[in-house]
Protein backbone atom coordinates (compact mmCIF):
# COMPACT_ATOMS: atom_id res chain seq x y z
CA MET A 1 61.12 -92.42 42.54
CA ARG A 2 64.30 -94.51 42.58
CA TRP A 3 63.44 -95.86 46.03
CA GLN A 4 60.06 -97.09 44.78
CA GLN A 5 61.77 -98.86 41.87
CA LEU A 6 64.31 -100.42 44.24
CA PHE A 7 61.55 -101.68 46.56
CA ALA A 8 59.57 -103.02 43.59
CA ASP A 9 62.67 -104.86 42.32
CA LEU A 10 63.37 -106.29 45.77
CA GLN A 11 59.74 -107.39 46.13
CA ALA A 12 59.85 -109.07 42.71
CA GLU A 13 63.09 -110.88 43.64
CA PHE A 14 61.57 -111.99 46.96
CA GLU A 15 58.43 -113.33 45.26
CA ALA A 16 60.49 -115.15 42.60
CA ALA A 17 62.67 -116.74 45.31
CA ALA A 18 59.57 -117.79 47.28
CA VAL A 19 58.02 -119.39 44.17
CA ALA A 20 61.28 -121.20 43.36
CA GLU A 21 61.57 -122.47 46.94
CA GLU A 22 57.97 -123.70 46.92
CA ARG A 23 58.49 -125.40 43.56
CA ALA A 24 61.62 -127.13 44.92
CA GLU A 25 59.76 -128.33 48.06
CA LEU A 26 56.71 -129.61 46.18
CA PRO A 27 58.08 -133.06 45.17
CA SER A 28 59.35 -133.84 48.67
CA ARG A 29 56.11 -132.56 50.24
CA SER A 30 54.10 -134.74 47.84
CA ARG A 31 56.22 -137.78 48.72
CA ALA A 32 55.73 -137.08 52.43
CA GLU A 33 51.96 -136.78 51.99
CA VAL A 34 51.80 -140.05 50.03
CA GLY A 35 54.04 -141.67 52.62
CA ALA A 36 51.49 -140.87 55.32
CA LEU A 37 48.57 -142.49 53.45
CA ARG A 38 47.15 -145.79 54.63
CA LEU A 39 45.49 -148.35 52.36
CA ALA A 40 42.07 -147.36 53.71
CA ASP A 41 42.75 -143.75 52.64
CA ARG A 42 43.80 -144.89 49.17
CA LEU A 43 40.68 -147.03 48.85
CA GLY A 44 38.53 -144.10 50.01
CA GLY A 45 38.70 -142.52 46.57
CA ALA A 46 37.22 -145.69 45.05
CA VAL A 47 34.07 -145.90 47.23
CA GLY A 48 31.16 -146.40 44.84
CA GLY A 49 33.36 -148.08 42.23
CA HIS A 50 34.38 -151.65 41.46
CA VAL A 51 37.58 -152.93 43.04
CA SER A 52 39.33 -156.26 43.31
CA LEU A 53 41.16 -157.17 46.51
CA ARG A 54 43.62 -160.04 46.58
CA CYS A 55 43.54 -161.50 50.08
CA ARG A 56 45.63 -163.99 52.00
CA GLY A 57 43.62 -167.19 52.23
CA ALA A 58 40.64 -165.95 50.23
CA GLY A 59 42.18 -165.16 46.85
CA GLU A 60 40.57 -162.51 44.66
CA VAL A 61 37.51 -160.76 46.13
CA ALA A 62 35.80 -158.30 43.79
CA GLY A 63 32.75 -156.08 43.89
CA LEU A 64 31.35 -152.63 44.42
CA LEU A 65 33.13 -150.87 47.28
CA THR A 66 30.25 -149.66 49.45
CA GLY A 67 31.89 -148.94 52.79
CA LEU A 68 35.24 -148.47 54.44
CA GLY A 69 36.57 -148.43 57.96
CA PRO A 70 40.04 -148.03 59.39
CA ASP A 71 40.80 -151.75 58.98
CA TRP A 72 38.01 -153.14 56.78
CA ALA A 73 36.32 -152.70 53.41
CA LEU A 74 32.75 -153.66 52.53
CA LEU A 75 31.97 -154.92 49.04
CA ASP A 76 28.72 -155.84 47.30
CA ASP A 77 29.61 -158.90 45.24
CA GLY A 78 26.74 -158.41 42.75
CA CYS A 79 25.03 -161.63 43.86
CA GLY A 80 23.14 -160.12 46.77
CA ARG A 81 25.89 -160.81 49.29
CA GLU A 82 27.97 -158.39 51.27
CA VAL A 83 31.64 -159.18 51.70
CA LEU A 84 33.54 -157.76 54.66
CA VAL A 85 37.28 -157.75 53.99
CA ALA A 86 39.86 -157.33 56.75
CA LEU A 87 42.42 -154.90 55.30
CA PRO A 88 45.38 -156.57 57.07
CA ALA A 89 44.63 -159.65 54.91
CA VAL A 90 44.78 -157.64 51.65
CA VAL A 91 47.98 -158.15 49.68
CA ALA A 92 47.08 -156.31 46.43
CA VAL A 93 44.35 -154.01 45.12
CA SER A 94 43.21 -153.28 41.58
CA GLY A 95 40.52 -150.95 40.31
CA LEU A 96 41.78 -147.91 42.16
CA VAL A 97 41.05 -144.50 40.72
CA ARG A 98 43.44 -141.56 40.64
CA THR A 99 41.75 -139.83 43.54
CA THR A 100 42.58 -140.70 47.11
CA ALA A 101 40.50 -139.79 50.11
CA ALA A 102 42.19 -137.26 52.33
CA ALA A 103 43.97 -138.93 55.21
CA ALA A 104 41.49 -138.81 58.05
CA PRO A 105 42.88 -137.30 61.21
CA PRO A 106 43.01 -139.76 64.09
CA SER A 107 39.79 -139.69 66.08
CA ALA A 108 38.13 -141.85 68.70
CA VAL A 109 35.02 -142.20 66.54
CA ARG A 110 36.95 -143.40 63.49
CA ALA A 111 39.02 -145.80 65.60
CA ALA A 112 35.81 -147.25 67.08
CA MET A 113 34.50 -148.12 63.59
CA ASP A 114 36.96 -151.00 63.33
CA LEU A 115 36.51 -154.60 62.20
CA ARG A 116 35.16 -155.60 65.61
CA ARG A 117 32.33 -153.07 65.28
CA ALA A 118 31.47 -154.33 61.78
CA LEU A 119 31.40 -157.93 63.06
CA ARG A 120 29.19 -156.89 65.97
CA GLY A 121 26.70 -155.62 63.38
CA LEU A 122 26.64 -159.12 61.86
CA ALA A 123 26.10 -160.58 65.33
CA ARG A 124 23.11 -158.26 65.89
CA ASP A 125 21.65 -159.20 62.49
CA ARG A 126 22.09 -162.94 63.22
CA SER A 127 23.29 -163.30 59.62
CA THR A 128 24.59 -166.63 58.40
CA VAL A 129 28.17 -166.07 57.28
CA ALA A 130 31.15 -167.81 55.74
CA VAL A 131 34.35 -166.75 57.48
CA VAL A 132 37.44 -167.22 55.31
CA LEU A 133 40.62 -167.45 57.35
CA ASP A 134 44.03 -166.24 56.23
CA ASP A 135 45.14 -169.88 55.87
CA GLY A 136 42.32 -170.57 53.40
CA GLY A 137 40.04 -172.39 55.83
CA VAL A 138 36.32 -171.60 55.70
CA LEU A 139 33.95 -171.70 58.65
CA THR A 140 30.17 -171.24 58.32
CA GLY A 141 27.71 -170.23 60.97
CA THR A 142 26.45 -167.23 62.87
CA VAL A 143 28.53 -164.66 64.72
CA ASP A 144 27.53 -164.96 68.38
CA ARG A 145 29.86 -162.43 69.99
CA VAL A 146 32.94 -160.36 69.33
CA GLY A 147 35.66 -159.88 71.91
CA ALA A 148 38.68 -157.63 71.96
CA ASP A 149 40.75 -159.95 69.77
CA PHE A 150 38.42 -162.79 68.76
CA VAL A 151 35.08 -163.51 67.15
CA GLU A 152 32.92 -166.38 68.39
CA LEU A 153 31.12 -168.33 65.69
CA ALA A 154 28.25 -170.78 66.26
CA GLU A 155 29.10 -173.28 63.53
CA HIS A 156 26.25 -174.69 61.49
CA ALA A 157 25.57 -175.59 57.87
CA ALA A 158 25.24 -172.66 55.49
CA ASP A 159 21.73 -173.77 54.56
CA ASP A 160 20.48 -173.78 58.19
CA PHE A 161 19.37 -171.03 60.51
CA ARG A 162 21.09 -170.79 63.87
CA ARG A 163 19.03 -173.10 66.03
CA ALA A 164 20.20 -175.16 68.98
CA GLY A 165 19.78 -178.41 67.01
CA ALA A 166 21.69 -177.08 63.99
CA VAL A 167 24.74 -175.78 65.87
CA ARG A 168 27.64 -178.26 65.64
CA GLY A 169 29.83 -176.28 68.02
CA VAL A 170 31.05 -172.85 68.97
CA ARG A 171 34.49 -171.73 67.85
CA ALA A 172 36.50 -168.68 68.88
CA VAL A 173 38.52 -167.31 65.97
CA VAL A 174 41.40 -164.87 66.44
CA LEU A 175 40.52 -161.62 64.65
CA ALA A 176 43.98 -161.40 63.12
CA ALA A 177 43.23 -164.67 61.24
CA VAL A 178 39.98 -163.38 59.67
CA ALA A 179 40.48 -162.46 56.00
CA VAL A 180 36.95 -162.23 54.58
CA VAL A 181 33.42 -162.59 55.94
CA ARG A 182 30.63 -163.22 53.40
CA THR A 183 26.99 -162.99 54.31
CA LEU A 184 24.96 -165.99 53.17
CA ALA A 185 21.24 -166.44 52.86
CA PRO A 186 20.13 -169.62 54.62
CA GLY A 187 19.70 -172.17 51.87
CA ALA A 188 22.73 -170.83 49.97
CA ALA A 189 26.18 -172.31 50.02
């Protein structure tokens, strides 16, 4: 009988020590988990909600967060336009909720859904766009092609369709300089 009591006491001490150790590790584990989060992960909890992104060159860009990639966010600005934001151009975010999407494990599929892939979708759609650069410059036209580190834009007026006679020139823009890409309906400015 005494042995059973001794083992029960030892087991209780062991469990109390394990709980105390776990409690002591919890703050540092939480800090480590937060330290591994990327901005895209933090924004993941806000998909479906309104956010405001302050961007180099483009200022404040706000809307409903409808999509997210490893280096881009897609907003609906409420005026019928989609706004593709390059996350490297984001300097501040407001409208975040308490929840954060779990950090996605690295994968080839996720890595392939980068800004280049999103811009290739615009090239396929032949959408008229306004490209806001990180220096504040704005270029309008149609995305013709997307390379490894550049996007090629056929420049034309925002109120024109891409036609040979409307194209003023073709410009290659370094992807790292792209802050925001807004879709425009021909006839809109």
